[in-house]
Amino acid sequence: MTINERQDELVEEFSMFDDWMEKYEYIIDLGKEVEGLEEPKKTEEFLVKGCQSRVWMIPAFSQGKLHFEADSDAIITKGIVGMVVRVLSDNTPAEILDADLYFVDKIGLREHLSPTRSNGLVSMIKKIKTYALIYSAKE
């Protein structure tokens, strides 16, 4: 699946909900589906700076594609990072760097997040794109 196909899938899932309370509940459900990380992996090295909650993101590079594992100590944030990882994981660094993440605006996420959570979302995306830049230089 491409990045845009995954984004379209998320937009479609969120279109089933009429109000933002239902959408928040769905984000929480998505957070519960994220496997998370074992405690030893939750190190300073993988901590995403700029998030109100603690968020860890671990990259793995295999067969030309980046895969991400992520976790957070806050359930809504875990759902948000889960969506970002779902959209961007298992793509080439170039695809990640070129991605236009329109799902954030299409589902109304940016306008319904607190400023600190919104900054955290930007930090998560920036972290993934930084990893993509690093791994594209290694290719």
N, C-alpha and C. Protein backbone atom coordinates (compact mmCIF):
# COMPACT_ATOMS: atom_id res chain seq x y z
N MET A 1 0.83 -1.19 0.00
CA MET A 1 0.00 0.00 0.00
C MET A 1 0.88 1.25 0.00
N THR A 2 0.47 2.26 -0.74
CA THR A 2 1.24 3.50 -0.77
C THR A 2 0.88 4.39 0.42
N ILE A 3 1.68 5.41 0.62
CA ILE A 3 1.40 6.37 1.69
C ILE A 3 0.04 7.02 1.48
N ASN A 4 -0.26 7.42 0.25
CA ASN A 4 -1.55 8.07 -0.01
C ASN A 4 -2.72 7.11 0.17
N GLU A 5 -2.54 5.85 -0.19
CA GLU A 5 -3.61 4.86 0.02
C GLU A 5 -3.88 4.68 1.52
N ARG A 6 -2.82 4.66 2.32
CA ARG A 6 -2.99 4.54 3.78
C ARG A 6 -3.68 5.79 4.35
N GLN A 7 -3.30 6.95 3.83
CA GLN A 7 -3.93 8.20 4.29
C GLN A 7 -5.42 8.18 3.94
N ASP A 8 -5.73 7.79 2.71
CA ASP A 8 -7.13 7.74 2.27
C ASP A 8 -7.94 6.77 3.13
N GLU A 9 -7.30 5.66 3.52
CA GLU A 9 -7.96 4.68 4.38
C GLU A 9 -8.30 5.31 5.74
N LEU A 10 -7.36 6.05 6.31
CA LEU A 10 -7.62 6.73 7.59
C LEU A 10 -8.72 7.78 7.46
N VAL A 11 -8.66 8.56 6.38
CA VAL A 11 -9.69 9.59 6.15
C VAL A 11 -11.06 8.93 6.07
N GLU A 12 -11.14 7.80 5.37
CA GLU A 12 -12.41 7.09 5.24
C GLU A 12 -12.89 6.56 6.60
N GLU A 13 -11.98 6.02 7.39
CA GLU A 13 -12.34 5.51 8.72
C GLU A 13 -12.91 6.65 9.58
N PHE A 14 -12.27 7.80 9.56
CA PHE A 14 -12.72 8.92 10.38
C PHE A 14 -14.01 9.55 9.85
N SER A 15 -14.31 9.37 8.58
CA SER A 15 -15.54 9.94 8.01
C SER A 15 -16.79 9.26 8.56
N MET A 16 -16.63 8.10 9.18
CA MET A 16 -17.77 7.38 9.76
C MET A 16 -18.30 8.04 11.04
N PHE A 17 -17.50 8.96 11.61
CA PHE A 17 -17.87 9.56 12.88
C PHE A 17 -18.43 10.96 12.67
N ASP A 18 -19.49 11.27 13.42
CA ASP A 18 -20.18 12.55 13.26
C ASP A 18 -19.58 13.68 14.07
N ASP A 19 -19.06 13.36 15.25
CA ASP A 19 -18.53 14.45 16.08
C ASP A 19 -17.15 14.10 16.60
N TRP A 20 -16.52 15.12 17.21
CA TRP A 20 -15.14 14.93 17.64
C TRP A 20 -14.98 14.06 18.87
N MET A 21 -16.00 13.92 19.67
CA MET A 21 -15.89 12.98 20.81
C MET A 21 -15.73 11.56 20.28
N GLU A 22 -16.50 11.23 19.24
CA GLU A 22 -16.38 9.90 18.63
C GLU A 22 -14.99 9.71 18.00
N LYS A 23 -14.48 10.77 17.38
CA LYS A 23 -13.16 10.68 16.75
C LYS A 23 -12.07 10.51 17.81
N TYR A 24 -12.21 11.22 18.93
CA TYR A 24 -11.23 11.04 20.03
C TYR A 24 -11.27 9.60 20.55
N GLU A 25 -12.48 9.06 20.69
CA GLU A 25 -12.61 7.68 21.14
C GLU A 25 -11.93 6.72 20.17
N TYR A 26 -12.06 7.02 18.88
CA TYR A 26 -11.43 6.18 17.88
C TYR A 26 -9.90 6.29 17.96
N ILE A 27 -9.40 7.50 18.19
CA ILE A 27 -7.95 7.68 18.35
C ILE A 27 -7.46 6.87 19.56
N ILE A 28 -8.23 6.87 20.63
CA ILE A 28 -7.89 6.07 21.81
C ILE A 28 -7.88 4.59 21.45
N ASP A 29 -8.88 4.14 20.69
CA ASP A 29 -8.92 2.74 20.25
C ASP A 29 -7.68 2.40 19.41
N LEU A 30 -7.30 3.33 18.52
CA LEU A 30 -6.10 3.10 17.70
C LEU A 30 -4.87 3.01 18.60
N GLY A 31 -4.82 3.82 19.64
CA GLY A 31 -3.70 3.77 20.59
C GLY A 31 -3.62 2.43 21.30
N LYS A 32 -4.77 1.86 21.61
CA LYS A 32 -4.79 0.56 22.28
C LYS A 32 -4.29 -0.56 21.36
N GLU A 33 -4.40 -0.34 20.04
CA GLU A 33 -3.94 -1.34 19.07
C GLU A 33 -2.43 -1.30 18.85
N VAL A 34 -1.78 -0.18 19.21
CA VAL A 34 -0.33 -0.06 19.03
C VAL A 34 0.34 -1.01 20.03
N GLU A 35 1.21 -1.87 19.49
CA GLU A 35 1.87 -2.86 20.35
C GLU A 35 2.71 -2.23 21.45
N GLY A 36 3.30 -1.10 21.15
CA GLY A 36 4.14 -0.45 22.15
C GLY A 36 5.53 -1.07 22.17
N LEU A 37 6.32 -0.58 23.09
CA LEU A 37 7.71 -1.01 23.21
C LEU A 37 7.97 -1.60 24.58
N GLU A 38 8.90 -2.53 24.63
CA GLU A 38 9.33 -3.06 25.92
C GLU A 38 10.14 -1.97 26.62
N GLU A 39 10.09 -1.94 27.92
CA GLU A 39 10.77 -0.89 28.71
C GLU A 39 12.23 -0.66 28.32
N PRO A 40 13.04 -1.72 28.09
CA PRO A 40 14.45 -1.47 27.75
C PRO A 40 14.64 -0.66 26.46
N LYS A 41 13.65 -0.68 25.58
CA LYS A 41 13.75 0.07 24.31
C LYS A 41 13.37 1.54 24.48
N LYS A 42 12.76 1.89 25.59
CA LYS A 42 12.32 3.27 25.81
C LYS A 42 13.48 4.09 26.36
N THR A 43 14.41 4.41 25.45
CA THR A 43 15.61 5.12 25.85
C THR A 43 15.56 6.57 25.37
N GLU A 44 16.42 7.37 25.93
CA GLU A 44 16.54 8.79 25.56
C GLU A 44 16.83 8.94 24.07
N GLU A 45 17.60 8.01 23.53
CA GLU A 45 17.98 8.06 22.11
C GLU A 45 16.76 8.08 21.19
N PHE A 46 15.71 7.37 21.56
CA PHE A 46 14.53 7.24 20.71
C PHE A 46 13.37 8.13 21.14
N LEU A 47 13.59 8.96 22.13
CA LEU A 47 12.56 9.88 22.62
C LEU A 47 12.36 11.00 21.61
N VAL A 48 11.10 11.30 21.30
CA VAL A 48 10.78 12.39 20.37
C VAL A 48 10.70 13.68 21.17
N LYS A 49 11.58 14.60 20.86
CA LYS A 49 11.60 15.89 21.55
C LYS A 49 10.46 16.76 21.04
N GLY A 50 9.87 17.56 21.91
CA GLY A 50 8.81 18.48 21.49
C GLY A 50 7.42 17.97 21.75
N CYS A 51 7.30 16.80 22.34
CA CYS A 51 5.98 16.25 22.65
C CYS A 51 5.67 16.50 24.13
N GLN A 52 4.42 16.82 24.41
CA GLN A 52 3.97 17.01 25.78
C GLN A 52 4.09 15.70 26.56
N SER A 53 3.68 14.62 25.91
CA SER A 53 3.81 13.29 26.50
C SER A 53 5.13 12.69 26.06
N ARG A 54 5.49 11.60 26.68
CA ARG A 54 6.72 10.92 26.27
C ARG A 54 6.37 10.00 25.09
N VAL A 55 7.11 10.18 23.99
CA VAL A 55 6.90 9.39 22.77
C VAL A 55 8.26 8.84 22.34
N TRP A 56 8.28 7.55 22.06
CA TRP A 56 9.50 6.90 21.57
C TRP A 56 9.23 6.38 20.17
N MET A 57 10.22 6.50 19.31
CA MET A 57 10.10 6.03 17.94
C MET A 57 11.42 5.38 17.53
N ILE A 58 11.33 4.11 17.14
CA ILE A 58 12.53 3.35 16.80
C ILE A 58 12.46 2.95 15.33
N PRO A 59 13.49 3.36 14.55
CA PRO A 59 13.51 2.98 13.14
C PRO A 59 14.25 1.66 12.93
N ALA A 60 13.85 0.98 11.88
CA ALA A 60 14.59 -0.20 11.41
C ALA A 60 14.62 -0.10 9.90
N PHE A 61 15.77 -0.39 9.31
CA PHE A 61 15.93 -0.27 7.86
C PHE A 61 16.22 -1.64 7.29
N SER A 62 15.38 -2.09 6.35
CA SER A 62 15.55 -3.40 5.76
C SER A 62 15.02 -3.39 4.32
N GLN A 63 15.78 -3.96 3.43
CA GLN A 63 15.40 -4.09 2.02
C GLN A 63 14.95 -2.75 1.43
N GLY A 64 15.66 -1.69 1.80
CA GLY A 64 15.40 -0.38 1.23
C GLY A 64 14.23 0.38 1.82
N LYS A 65 13.60 -0.19 2.85
CA LYS A 65 12.43 0.45 3.45
C LYS A 65 12.64 0.68 4.94
N LEU A 66 12.02 1.74 5.43
CA LEU A 66 12.07 2.06 6.86
C LEU A 66 10.81 1.54 7.53
N HIS A 67 11.01 0.92 8.67
CA HIS A 67 9.90 0.45 9.50
C HIS A 67 10.04 1.13 10.86
N PHE A 68 8.93 1.52 11.45
CA PHE A 68 8.98 2.20 12.74
C PHE A 68 8.14 1.47 13.78
N GLU A 69 8.69 1.41 14.98
CA GLU A 69 7.96 0.99 16.17
C GLU A 69 7.82 2.24 17.02
N ALA A 70 6.70 2.38 17.70
CA ALA A 70 6.50 3.58 18.51
C ALA A 70 5.68 3.26 19.74
N ASP A 71 5.76 4.18 20.70
CA ASP A 71 5.00 4.05 21.93
C ASP A 71 4.88 5.43 22.57
N SER A 72 3.92 5.56 23.46
CA SER A 72 3.75 6.79 24.23
C SER A 72 3.18 6.44 25.59
N ASP A 73 3.41 7.32 26.56
CA ASP A 73 2.85 7.10 27.89
C ASP A 73 1.45 7.70 28.03
N ALA A 74 0.92 8.31 26.96
CA ALA A 74 -0.44 8.87 26.97
C ALA A 74 -1.23 8.21 25.84
N ILE A 75 -2.43 7.74 26.14
CA ILE A 75 -3.18 6.92 25.19
C ILE A 75 -3.60 7.68 23.94
N ILE A 76 -4.00 8.94 24.04
CA ILE A 76 -4.36 9.69 22.83
C ILE A 76 -3.12 9.91 21.97
N THR A 77 -2.03 10.26 22.61
CA THR A 77 -0.77 10.46 21.88
C THR A 77 -0.32 9.15 21.23
N LYS A 78 -0.54 8.05 21.91
CA LYS A 78 -0.19 6.74 21.36
C LYS A 78 -1.02 6.47 20.10
N GLY A 79 -2.28 6.88 20.11
CA GLY A 79 -3.12 6.75 18.92
C GLY A 79 -2.64 7.62 17.79
N ILE A 80 -2.21 8.84 18.11
CA ILE A 80 -1.71 9.76 17.09
C ILE A 80 -0.42 9.23 16.47
N VAL A 81 0.52 8.82 17.32
CA VAL A 81 1.78 8.29 16.78
C VAL A 81 1.51 6.99 16.01
N GLY A 82 0.52 6.24 16.45
CA GLY A 82 0.14 5.02 15.72
C GLY A 82 -0.33 5.33 14.31
N MET A 83 -1.11 6.40 14.16
CA MET A 83 -1.57 6.80 12.82
C MET A 83 -0.40 7.23 11.94
N VAL A 84 0.49 8.03 12.50
CA VAL A 84 1.65 8.53 11.74
C VAL A 84 2.52 7.35 11.29
N VAL A 85 2.77 6.42 12.19
CA VAL A 85 3.59 5.25 11.87
C VAL A 85 2.87 4.38 10.83
N ARG A 86 1.58 4.22 10.99
CA ARG A 86 0.79 3.42 10.05
C ARG A 86 0.91 3.97 8.62
N VAL A 87 0.87 5.28 8.50
CA VAL A 87 0.93 5.92 7.19
C VAL A 87 2.34 5.86 6.59
N LEU A 88 3.36 6.10 7.40
CA LEU A 88 4.71 6.27 6.86
C LEU A 88 5.61 5.04 6.93
N SER A 89 5.32 4.11 7.81
CA SER A 89 6.18 2.95 7.99
C SER A 89 6.15 2.05 6.75
N ASP A 90 7.25 1.34 6.54
CA ASP A 90 7.38 0.36 5.45
C ASP A 90 7.36 1.02 4.07
N ASN A 91 7.99 2.18 4.00
CA ASN A 91 8.19 2.89 2.74
C ASN A 91 9.67 3.22 2.61
N THR A 92 10.08 3.59 1.40
CA THR A 92 11.46 3.97 1.19
C THR A 92 11.69 5.35 1.82
N PRO A 93 12.93 5.66 2.14
CA PRO A 93 13.21 6.99 2.66
C PRO A 93 12.74 8.10 1.71
N ALA A 94 12.93 7.91 0.40
CA ALA A 94 12.50 8.92 -0.58
C ALA A 94 10.99 9.12 -0.54
N GLU A 95 10.24 8.03 -0.43
CA GLU A 95 8.77 8.14 -0.37
C GLU A 95 8.34 8.90 0.88
N ILE A 96 9.01 8.64 1.99
CA ILE A 96 8.69 9.32 3.24
C ILE A 96 9.02 10.81 3.13
N LEU A 97 10.17 11.11 2.57
CA LEU A 97 10.58 12.51 2.44
C LEU A 97 9.66 13.29 1.50
N ASP A 98 9.13 12.62 0.48
CA ASP A 98 8.26 13.28 -0.50
C ASP A 98 6.80 13.31 -0.08
N ALA A 99 6.46 12.65 1.00
CA ALA A 99 5.05 12.51 1.39
C ALA A 99 4.43 13.85 1.81
N ASP A 100 3.23 14.07 1.32
CA ASP A 100 2.40 15.19 1.74
C ASP A 100 1.35 14.59 2.68
N LEU A 101 1.48 14.85 3.96
CA LEU A 101 0.59 14.21 4.93
C LEU A 101 -0.71 15.00 5.07
N TYR A 102 -1.58 14.79 4.09
CA TYR A 102 -2.85 15.51 4.05
C TYR A 102 -3.90 14.93 4.99
N PHE A 103 -3.71 13.72 5.47
CA PHE A 103 -4.73 13.11 6.33
C PHE A 103 -4.94 13.91 7.61
N VAL A 104 -3.88 14.57 8.10
CA VAL A 104 -3.96 15.34 9.34
C VAL A 104 -5.04 16.42 9.22
N ASP A 105 -5.05 17.14 8.10
CA ASP A 105 -6.04 18.18 7.90
C ASP A 105 -7.40 17.62 7.48
N LYS A 106 -7.39 16.58 6.65
CA LYS A 106 -8.65 16.02 6.14
C LYS A 106 -9.52 15.42 7.25
N ILE A 107 -8.89 14.85 8.28
CA ILE A 107 -9.71 14.32 9.37
C ILE A 107 -9.95 15.38 10.45
N GLY A 108 -9.37 16.56 10.26
CA GLY A 108 -9.58 17.66 11.20
C GLY A 108 -8.72 17.58 12.45
N LEU A 109 -7.70 16.76 12.39
CA LEU A 109 -6.87 16.53 13.58
C LEU A 109 -6.17 17.78 14.06
N ARG A 110 -5.56 18.50 13.13
CA ARG A 110 -4.78 19.69 13.51
C ARG A 110 -5.64 20.72 14.25
N GLU A 111 -6.86 20.94 13.78
CA GLU A 111 -7.70 21.96 14.40
C GLU A 111 -8.33 21.51 15.72
N HIS A 112 -8.31 20.22 16.01
CA HIS A 112 -8.92 19.73 17.24
C HIS A 112 -7.91 19.29 18.30
N LEU A 113 -6.64 19.47 18.02
CA LEU A 113 -5.62 19.15 19.02
C LEU A 113 -5.25 20.40 19.79
N SER A 114 -4.89 20.22 21.04
CA SER A 114 -4.37 21.34 21.81
C SER A 114 -3.07 21.78 21.16
N PRO A 115 -2.64 23.03 21.40
CA PRO A 115 -1.38 23.48 20.80
C PRO A 115 -0.19 22.58 21.15
N THR A 116 -0.14 22.07 22.38
CA THR A 116 0.99 21.22 22.75
C THR A 116 0.93 19.87 22.02
N ARG A 117 -0.26 19.30 21.86
CA ARG A 117 -0.37 18.04 21.11
C ARG A 117 -0.09 18.27 19.64
N SER A 118 -0.52 19.40 19.12
CA SER A 118 -0.26 19.74 17.73
C SER A 118 1.25 19.86 17.48
N ASN A 119 1.95 20.50 18.42
CA ASN A 119 3.41 20.58 18.33
C ASN A 119 4.04 19.20 18.38
N GLY A 120 3.47 18.34 19.22
CA GLY A 120 3.97 16.97 19.32
C GLY A 120 3.80 16.21 18.02
N LEU A 121 2.67 16.40 17.36
CA LEU A 121 2.42 15.76 16.07
C LEU A 121 3.46 16.21 15.05
N VAL A 122 3.72 17.50 15.00
CA VAL A 122 4.75 18.04 14.10
C VAL A 122 6.11 17.42 14.43
N SER A 123 6.41 17.27 15.72
CA SER A 123 7.69 16.68 16.14
C SER A 123 7.80 15.22 15.71
N MET A 124 6.70 14.47 15.79
CA MET A 124 6.71 13.07 15.37
C MET A 124 7.01 12.96 13.87
N ILE A 125 6.34 13.78 13.09
CA ILE A 125 6.54 13.76 11.64
C ILE A 125 7.97 14.19 11.30
N LYS A 126 8.44 15.22 11.98
CA LYS A 126 9.81 15.70 11.75
C LYS A 126 10.82 14.60 12.09
N LYS A 127 10.60 13.87 13.17
CA LYS A 127 11.50 12.79 13.58
C LYS A 127 11.57 11.69 12.52
N ILE A 128 10.40 11.30 12.00
CA ILE A 128 10.36 10.27 10.96
C ILE A 128 11.08 10.76 9.70
N LYS A 129 10.82 12.00 9.33
CA LYS A 129 11.47 12.53 8.12
C LYS A 129 12.98 12.68 8.34
N THR A 130 13.41 12.97 9.55
CA THR A 130 14.84 13.03 9.86
C THR A 130 15.46 11.65 9.70
N TYR A 131 14.80 10.63 10.24
CA TYR A 131 15.30 9.27 10.05
C TYR A 131 15.37 8.93 8.56
N ALA A 132 14.35 9.31 7.80
CA ALA A 132 14.33 9.03 6.37
C ALA A 132 15.52 9.70 5.67
N LEU A 133 15.82 10.93 6.08
CA LEU A 133 16.95 11.66 5.50
C LEU A 133 18.27 10.95 5.83
N ILE A 134 18.41 10.51 7.06
CA ILE A 134 19.62 9.79 7.48
C ILE A 134 19.79 8.51 6.67
N TYR A 135 18.71 7.74 6.54
CA TYR A 135 18.81 6.46 5.83
C TYR A 135 18.93 6.64 4.32
N SER A 136 18.40 7.73 3.78
CA SER A 136 18.56 7.98 2.34
C SER A 136 20.03 8.31 2.04
N ALA A 137 20.69 8.95 2.97
CA ALA A 137 22.12 9.26 2.79
C ALA A 137 22.98 8.00 2.86
N LYS A 138 22.50 6.97 3.56
CA LYS A 138 23.25 5.72 3.69
C LYS A 138 23.10 4.83 2.47
N GLU A 139 22.05 5.08 1.68
CA GLU A 139 21.80 4.22 0.50
C GLU A 139 22.82 4.49 -0.60
